[in-house]
Amino acid sequence: MILTGRVRLNGGVQRDPETPVHLEKDRIVVDDRAIQRPPKVYLMMNKPRGLVTTASDEKGRETIYAVLAKSGESPWVAPVGRLDKASEGLLLLTNDSEWGARVAAPGTHLGKTYHVQVSAVADEKITRALVQGVRNADGNLLRAKRASLLRSGEKNCWLEIVLDEGKNRQIRRMLAALEVEVLRLVRVAVGPLRLGDLAKGAFRALTAEEKLALDHAMRGRRS
């Protein structure tokens, strides 16, 4: 479109695709229609188990965008971090790439809280090992910020694990190193933002208060 002269920049035809523009100041017109930056969108989703956190999948597996499509709305948003196929719970999505990068950045140290069902009756030894650090098969030291027992049954239990650096499949890798099998893994909070009663497979916009609380938490962690 640029090369064929359909795009005007500040009133003049611009045929160089590499011309820099400032979206806050410059006026861009395509086919006599001014384009505008889309409004920023901040969503939270209760990701169901079995979906992959990507826009498309080479194996043909259903992705998180199927949840957006079923609602009849399809704003272009990208996931903030990832939840693997077998994991579920709170997933943030946004078209504000800078904000999303700050939330996901390990250096922000924004706590992510998970409820994890394991095939063992955990004791203080396991929770203490998670916090002190566990070396996985590759020799990397992985540790949780906090770990505690939520509830216990005869053959399994639920743990609450908080990470502030979230490496790939970190919880599964730590527990595997302790020879503990993960049965379910649900992210229930990102910083002060809680999953709450959002139905599985549903999504909604963050409230202004929720967005402000996340921003405040990130500023506090940087200080």
Protein backbone atom coordinates (compact mmCIF):
# COMPACT_ATOMS: atom_id res chain seq x y z
CA MET A 1 0.00 0.00 0.00
CA ILE A 2 2.85 2.38 0.79
CA LEU A 3 4.73 1.67 -2.43
CA THR A 4 1.61 2.24 -4.57
CA GLY A 5 0.97 5.64 -3.00
CA ARG A 6 -2.13 4.76 -0.97
CA VAL A 7 -0.59 6.06 2.27
CA ARG A 8 -0.22 9.72 3.21
CA LEU A 9 1.95 10.90 6.09
CA ASN A 10 1.12 14.35 7.47
CA GLY A 11 -0.64 15.31 4.24
CA GLY A 12 1.93 14.06 1.73
CA VAL A 13 2.21 10.76 -0.12
CA GLN A 14 4.90 8.61 1.49
CA ARG A 15 6.33 5.77 -0.62
CA ASP A 16 9.20 4.71 1.66
CA PRO A 17 8.09 1.90 4.03
CA GLU A 18 11.10 2.56 6.27
CA THR A 19 10.15 6.16 7.06
CA PRO A 20 9.94 6.49 10.86
CA VAL A 21 6.73 7.82 12.35
CA HIS A 22 5.61 8.94 15.79
CA LEU A 23 2.17 7.48 16.43
CA GLU A 24 1.34 10.13 19.03
CA LYS A 25 2.11 13.06 16.70
CA ASP A 26 2.05 12.03 13.05
CA ARG A 27 -1.14 11.72 10.97
CA ILE A 28 -1.33 8.62 8.77
CA VAL A 29 -4.07 8.28 6.16
CA VAL A 30 -4.75 5.14 4.10
CA ASP A 31 -7.15 5.45 1.15
CA ASP A 32 -8.40 8.77 2.58
CA ARG A 33 -9.14 7.21 5.98
CA ALA A 34 -7.10 8.26 9.02
CA ILE A 35 -5.77 5.39 11.09
CA GLN A 36 -5.63 5.56 14.84
CA ARG A 37 -3.87 3.55 17.50
CA PRO A 38 -6.34 1.00 18.88
CA PRO A 39 -7.38 1.43 22.51
CA LYS A 40 -5.32 -0.56 24.98
CA VAL A 41 -6.94 -3.79 26.08
CA TYR A 42 -6.20 -5.67 29.31
CA LEU A 43 -7.93 -9.02 29.79
CA MET A 44 -7.85 -11.86 32.28
CA MET A 45 -8.82 -15.39 31.23
CA ASN A 46 -9.45 -18.56 33.19
CA LYS A 47 -7.53 -20.83 30.83
CA PRO A 48 -8.92 -24.36 30.62
CA ARG A 49 -6.62 -27.36 30.65
CA GLY A 50 -5.80 -28.66 27.18
CA LEU A 51 -5.34 -25.35 25.35
CA VAL A 52 -1.95 -24.12 24.21
CA THR A 53 -0.88 -20.53 24.86
CA THR A 54 -0.09 -19.47 21.32
CA ALA A 55 -1.79 -17.87 18.32
CA SER A 56 -1.39 -20.96 16.15
CA ASP A 57 -0.06 -24.44 16.68
CA GLU A 58 1.86 -26.54 14.18
CA LYS A 59 0.30 -29.69 15.64
CA GLY A 60 -3.23 -28.39 15.13
CA ARG A 61 -4.04 -28.23 18.84
CA GLU A 62 -6.73 -25.85 20.07
CA THR A 63 -5.33 -22.56 21.36
CA ILE A 64 -6.43 -19.94 23.87
CA TYR A 65 -7.77 -17.86 20.96
CA ALA A 66 -10.60 -20.37 20.61
CA VAL A 67 -11.92 -18.99 23.92
CA LEU A 68 -11.95 -15.45 22.51
CA ALA A 69 -13.55 -16.56 19.24
CA LYS A 70 -16.43 -18.37 20.98
CA SER A 71 -17.46 -15.11 22.64
CA GLY A 72 -18.03 -13.41 19.29
CA GLU A 73 -15.30 -10.93 20.14
CA SER A 74 -11.77 -11.26 18.83
CA PRO A 75 -9.61 -8.33 19.93
CA TRP A 76 -6.00 -8.88 18.92
CA VAL A 77 -4.21 -9.46 22.18
CA ALA A 78 -1.11 -11.42 23.12
CA PRO A 79 -0.66 -13.60 26.20
CA VAL A 80 1.45 -12.24 29.06
CA GLY A 81 3.76 -15.15 29.78
CA ARG A 82 2.52 -18.69 29.28
CA LEU A 83 0.66 -21.55 30.85
CA ASP A 84 1.51 -24.91 29.33
CA LYS A 85 -1.14 -27.16 27.80
CA ALA A 86 -1.72 -29.16 30.98
CA SER A 87 -1.92 -26.08 33.22
CA GLU A 88 -4.94 -23.90 33.86
CA GLY A 89 -6.05 -20.73 35.57
CA LEU A 90 -5.25 -17.03 35.39
CA LEU A 91 -3.77 -15.82 32.12
CA LEU A 92 -3.39 -12.15 31.23
CA LEU A 93 -3.73 -10.92 27.65
CA THR A 94 -3.10 -7.45 26.25
CA ASN A 95 -2.24 -5.43 23.15
CA ASP A 96 0.01 -3.23 25.32
CA SER A 97 3.28 -5.04 24.62
CA GLU A 98 5.41 -2.86 26.91
CA TRP A 99 3.09 -3.45 29.87
CA GLY A 100 2.92 -7.17 29.17
CA ALA A 101 6.71 -7.40 29.05
CA ARG A 102 6.99 -5.69 32.44
CA VAL A 103 4.49 -8.08 34.04
CA ALA A 104 6.28 -11.13 32.64
CA ALA A 105 9.86 -9.94 33.19
CA PRO A 106 11.73 -11.95 35.84
CA GLY A 107 13.36 -8.73 37.07
CA THR A 108 9.98 -7.33 38.09
CA HIS A 109 9.68 -10.13 40.70
CA LEU A 110 5.88 -9.96 40.54
CA GLY A 111 4.66 -13.00 42.44
CA LYS A 112 2.61 -15.64 40.60
CA THR A 113 0.58 -17.90 42.89
CA TYR A 114 -0.29 -21.50 41.96
CA HIS A 115 -2.41 -24.18 43.57
CA VAL A 116 -0.87 -27.54 42.76
CA GLN A 117 -2.36 -30.98 43.37
CA VAL A 118 0.35 -33.63 43.76
CA SER A 119 0.27 -37.40 44.05
CA ALA A 120 1.83 -37.45 47.49
CA VAL A 121 1.01 -36.40 51.00
CA ALA A 122 3.46 -33.52 51.23
CA ASP A 123 5.22 -32.67 54.44
CA GLU A 124 7.38 -29.80 55.62
CA LYS A 125 10.40 -31.45 54.03
CA ILE A 126 8.96 -31.00 50.53
CA THR A 127 7.78 -27.40 51.02
CA ARG A 128 11.11 -26.48 52.61
CA ALA A 129 13.02 -28.03 49.70
CA LEU A 130 10.96 -26.01 47.19
CA VAL A 131 11.91 -22.75 48.91
CA GLN A 132 15.55 -23.64 49.54
CA GLY A 133 15.98 -24.71 45.94
CA VAL A 134 15.99 -27.91 43.91
CA ARG A 135 18.45 -28.89 41.18
CA ASN A 136 16.73 -30.40 38.20
CA ALA A 137 18.13 -32.94 35.73
CA ASP A 138 20.05 -30.20 33.92
CA GLY A 139 21.75 -29.07 37.12
CA ASN A 140 19.88 -25.77 37.28
CA LEU A 141 18.85 -24.52 40.72
CA LEU A 142 15.13 -23.76 40.84
CA ARG A 143 13.38 -22.34 43.87
CA ALA A 144 9.99 -21.04 44.94
CA LYS A 145 9.48 -17.79 46.81
CA ARG A 146 6.99 -19.50 49.14
CA ALA A 147 5.46 -22.96 49.46
CA SER A 148 2.87 -24.25 51.90
CA LEU A 149 0.35 -27.05 52.35
CA LEU A 150 -3.24 -26.06 51.53
CA ARG A 151 -5.08 -29.31 52.26
CA SER A 152 -4.27 -32.98 52.36
CA GLY A 153 -6.05 -36.27 51.64
CA GLU A 154 -5.06 -39.88 52.10
CA LYS A 155 -3.09 -40.18 48.85
CA ASN A 156 -2.59 -36.64 47.54
CA CYS A 157 -2.63 -33.02 48.61
CA TRP A 158 -2.78 -29.43 47.37
CA LEU A 159 0.16 -27.07 47.71
CA GLU A 160 0.26 -23.31 47.32
CA ILE A 161 3.44 -22.27 45.52
CA VAL A 162 4.48 -18.69 44.79
CA LEU A 163 7.08 -17.94 42.12
CA ASP A 164 8.62 -14.56 41.43
CA GLU A 165 10.88 -15.57 38.51
CA GLY A 166 8.72 -18.12 36.66
CA LYS A 167 11.05 -20.17 34.45
CA ASN A 168 9.65 -22.57 31.84
CA ARG A 169 7.64 -25.37 33.51
CA GLN A 170 9.41 -24.48 36.75
CA ILE A 171 6.98 -26.03 39.21
CA ARG A 172 6.72 -29.29 37.27
CA ARG A 173 10.51 -29.49 36.99
CA MET A 174 11.04 -28.82 40.72
CA LEU A 175 8.53 -31.43 41.80
CA ALA A 176 9.84 -33.95 39.28
CA ALA A 177 13.29 -33.51 40.83
CA LEU A 178 11.70 -34.40 44.17
CA GLU A 179 10.00 -37.39 42.51
CA VAL A 180 6.53 -35.92 43.08
CA GLU A 181 3.94 -36.12 40.30
CA VAL A 182 1.80 -33.07 39.47
CA LEU A 183 -1.87 -33.94 38.99
CA ARG A 184 -3.24 -30.41 38.51
CA LEU A 185 -1.63 -27.00 38.32
CA VAL A 186 -3.79 -23.87 38.55
CA ARG A 187 -2.50 -20.29 38.57
CA VAL A 188 -4.77 -18.38 40.93
CA ALA A 189 -3.08 -14.97 41.16
CA VAL A 190 -0.60 -12.62 39.51
CA GLY A 191 0.60 -10.11 42.06
CA PRO A 192 -2.50 -8.64 43.72
CA LEU A 193 -4.80 -9.83 40.91
CA ARG A 194 -6.84 -12.91 41.90
CA LEU A 195 -8.61 -15.33 39.57
CA GLY A 196 -11.63 -15.23 41.87
CA ASP A 197 -14.85 -16.76 40.58
CA LEU A 198 -14.18 -16.25 36.87
CA ALA A 199 -15.61 -19.33 35.18
CA LYS A 200 -13.30 -21.76 33.42
CA GLY A 201 -13.04 -20.84 29.75
CA ALA A 202 -14.29 -17.29 30.38
CA PHE A 203 -12.47 -13.97 30.12
CA ARG A 204 -13.16 -10.36 31.04
CA ALA A 205 -11.51 -6.94 30.99
CA LEU A 206 -9.54 -5.88 34.02
CA THR A 207 -11.21 -3.16 36.04
CA ALA A 208 -9.42 0.16 36.36
CA GLU A 209 -8.73 -0.68 40.00
CA GLU A 210 -7.19 -4.07 39.11
CA LYS A 211 -4.94 -2.52 36.44
CA LEU A 212 -3.86 0.21 38.87
CA ALA A 213 -3.10 -2.36 41.58
CA LEU A 214 -0.88 -4.35 39.21
CA ASP A 215 0.95 -1.20 38.11
CA HIS A 216 1.46 -0.17 41.73
CA ALA A 217 2.77 -3.64 42.63
CA MET A 218 5.30 -3.50 39.78
CA ARG A 219 6.49 -0.04 40.79
CA GLY A 220 6.87 -1.25 44.36
CA ARG A 221 8.90 -4.28 43.26
CA ARG A 222 11.26 -2.09 41.20
CA SER A 223 11.87 0.22 44.15
